Amino acid sequence: MSGDGATLSWISTTPGKGTAVQEHDTWVLGETGLVGDRRFHLVDETGRMVNAKRLATLITVQADFDADSGVLALTIPGGDTVAGEVELGDVLDSGFFGAVRGGREVVGPWAQALSEFAGVTLRLAATTKEGAALDREAD
């Protein structure tokens, strides 16, 4: 992809904010950025977003999401993989750098597995608006 004199030959994304990024040489660009990038995020007990800056151990978790099947897989260091079809639960608005971003709690085994791995209570959320879990929400 090129334009305005710039060439992009690869890009890194992750379906889970704060988890390990993966390099891609192809991607789909939507209205608010790369489709599926940071689709999921974690929140603490106060409803505040948790990323790798707050909890560095998250960067070692590999997240994969297949939008066609709805299957989310998290591979935690040590070889454990927690996978299943995503089911959305209650509304779970999250604090992102002083702003509130809309989301829904993700029902399933992921939050418990990540909480045990990180040693803190975490909840997993899915954004309700594409691009909402980026550091700067698209207008």
Protein backbone atom coordinates (compact mmCIF):
# COMPACT_ATOMS: atom_id res chain seq x y z
CA MET A 1 0.00 0.00 0.00
CA SER A 2 1.43 3.36 -0.89
CA GLY A 3 0.24 6.91 -1.07
CA ASP A 4 1.60 10.36 -0.38
CA GLY A 5 5.10 9.03 -1.01
CA ALA A 6 4.98 6.39 1.76
CA THR A 7 5.11 2.63 1.44
CA LEU A 8 3.76 0.20 4.02
CA SER A 9 5.17 -3.29 3.66
CA TRP A 10 3.93 -4.87 6.93
CA ILE A 11 2.04 -3.94 10.05
CA SER A 12 1.55 -5.36 13.54
CA THR A 13 -1.85 -5.88 15.15
CA THR A 14 -3.45 -7.86 17.94
CA PRO A 15 -7.07 -8.70 18.69
CA GLY A 16 -6.41 -8.24 22.42
CA LYS A 17 -5.19 -4.84 23.62
CA GLY A 18 -2.00 -5.30 25.64
CA THR A 19 -1.25 -8.77 24.28
CA ALA A 20 1.58 -9.71 21.90
CA VAL A 21 1.38 -8.12 18.48
CA GLN A 22 1.62 -10.15 15.29
CA GLU A 23 3.17 -8.98 12.04
CA HIS A 24 1.07 -9.10 8.87
CA ASP A 25 1.90 -8.42 5.26
CA THR A 26 -1.78 -8.12 4.32
CA TRP A 27 -4.62 -6.45 6.19
CA VAL A 28 -8.06 -4.91 5.79
CA LEU A 29 -8.40 -1.20 6.42
CA GLY A 30 -11.82 -0.07 7.66
CA GLU A 31 -13.29 3.32 8.49
CA THR A 32 -11.61 3.48 11.90
CA GLY A 33 -8.39 1.60 11.20
CA LEU A 34 -7.33 -2.01 10.79
CA VAL A 35 -10.31 -4.36 11.00
CA GLY A 36 -10.20 -6.49 14.16
CA ASP A 37 -7.24 -4.68 15.73
CA ARG A 38 -7.67 -4.44 19.52
CA ARG A 39 -11.19 -5.86 19.33
CA PHE A 40 -10.89 -7.02 22.95
CA HIS A 41 -9.49 -5.35 26.05
CA LEU A 42 -9.12 -6.03 29.76
CA VAL A 43 -10.47 -4.03 32.67
CA ASP A 44 -9.62 -4.12 36.36
CA GLU A 45 -12.02 -4.24 39.30
CA THR A 46 -12.63 -0.48 39.02
CA GLY A 47 -13.58 -0.65 35.33
CA ARG A 48 -10.31 0.91 34.17
CA MET A 49 -8.67 -0.47 31.04
CA VAL A 50 -5.56 -2.58 31.67
CA ASN A 51 -2.85 -2.71 29.04
CA ALA A 52 0.77 -3.88 28.94
CA LYS A 53 1.95 -0.53 30.28
CA ARG A 54 0.03 -1.24 33.48
CA LEU A 55 0.59 -5.00 33.52
CA ALA A 56 3.69 -5.88 31.50
CA THR A 57 3.17 -9.66 31.70
CA LEU A 58 0.23 -9.35 29.26
CA ILE A 59 2.64 -8.75 26.37
CA THR A 60 3.64 -12.43 26.59
CA VAL A 61 0.09 -13.65 25.86
CA GLN A 62 -0.69 -14.50 22.23
CA ALA A 63 -4.27 -13.64 21.18
CA ASP A 64 -5.94 -14.97 18.04
CA PHE A 65 -9.51 -14.24 16.95
CA ASP A 66 -11.31 -15.75 13.97
CA ALA A 67 -14.15 -13.34 13.21
CA ASP A 68 -15.84 -15.84 10.87
CA SER A 69 -16.22 -18.53 13.55
CA GLY A 70 -16.24 -16.18 16.55
CA VAL A 71 -13.47 -18.20 18.22
CA LEU A 72 -11.01 -16.43 20.51
CA ALA A 73 -7.83 -18.25 21.56
CA LEU A 74 -5.37 -16.98 24.15
CA THR A 75 -2.05 -18.78 24.46
CA ILE A 76 -0.48 -18.15 27.84
CA PRO A 77 3.25 -18.72 28.43
CA GLY A 78 3.85 -22.28 29.49
CA GLY A 79 1.75 -23.64 26.64
CA ASP A 80 -1.78 -23.30 28.01
CA THR A 81 -4.33 -22.22 25.42
CA VAL A 82 -7.81 -21.08 26.37
CA ALA A 83 -10.15 -21.08 23.40
CA GLY A 84 -13.82 -20.97 22.60
CA GLU A 85 -16.60 -19.14 20.85
CA VAL A 86 -17.11 -15.60 22.12
CA GLU A 87 -20.41 -14.89 23.85
CA LEU A 88 -21.15 -11.31 24.85
CA GLY A 89 -22.68 -10.55 28.23
CA ASP A 90 -23.55 -7.39 30.11
CA VAL A 91 -22.59 -3.86 29.12
CA LEU A 92 -19.14 -3.10 30.49
CA ASP A 93 -18.07 0.49 29.92
CA SER A 94 -14.33 0.93 30.41
CA GLY A 95 -12.18 3.88 31.43
CA PHE A 96 -9.59 4.65 28.74
CA PHE A 97 -7.22 7.48 29.63
CA GLY A 98 -10.01 9.46 31.29
CA ALA A 99 -12.65 8.70 28.64
CA VAL A 100 -15.37 6.05 28.80
CA ARG A 101 -15.51 3.53 25.95
CA GLY A 102 -18.46 1.24 25.34
CA GLY A 103 -18.09 -2.51 25.53
CA ARG A 104 -19.69 -5.77 26.51
CA GLU A 105 -18.27 -8.31 28.94
CA VAL A 106 -17.03 -11.48 27.25
CA VAL A 107 -18.50 -14.59 28.87
CA GLY A 108 -16.16 -17.56 29.03
CA PRO A 109 -12.88 -18.85 30.45
CA TRP A 110 -10.52 -16.12 29.27
CA ALA A 111 -10.81 -13.60 32.13
CA GLN A 112 -10.22 -16.26 34.77
CA ALA A 113 -7.20 -17.67 32.93
CA LEU A 114 -5.68 -14.21 32.48
CA SER A 115 -6.43 -13.26 36.09
CA GLU A 116 -4.67 -16.38 37.36
CA PHE A 117 -1.71 -15.76 35.05
CA ALA A 118 -1.38 -12.06 35.95
CA GLY A 119 -2.19 -12.39 39.65
CA VAL A 120 -4.91 -9.71 39.57
CA THR A 121 -8.64 -9.79 38.91
CA LEU A 122 -9.38 -8.95 35.28
CA ARG A 123 -12.49 -8.92 33.11
CA LEU A 124 -12.44 -9.30 29.34
CA ALA A 125 -14.51 -6.94 27.21
CA ALA A 126 -15.31 -6.61 23.54
CA THR A 127 -15.66 -3.15 22.07
CA THR A 128 -19.06 -2.14 20.73
CA LYS A 129 -17.50 0.24 18.21
CA GLU A 130 -14.66 -0.72 15.87
CA GLY A 131 -11.53 1.18 16.89
CA ALA A 132 -12.76 1.99 20.41
CA ALA A 133 -9.91 0.14 22.16
CA LEU A 134 -7.20 2.05 20.36
CA ASP A 135 -5.31 4.61 22.40
CA ARG A 136 -7.13 7.32 20.47
CA GLU A 137 -10.71 6.53 19.51
CA ALA A 138 -11.72 7.35 15.98
CA ASP A 139 -14.41 9.99 15.55
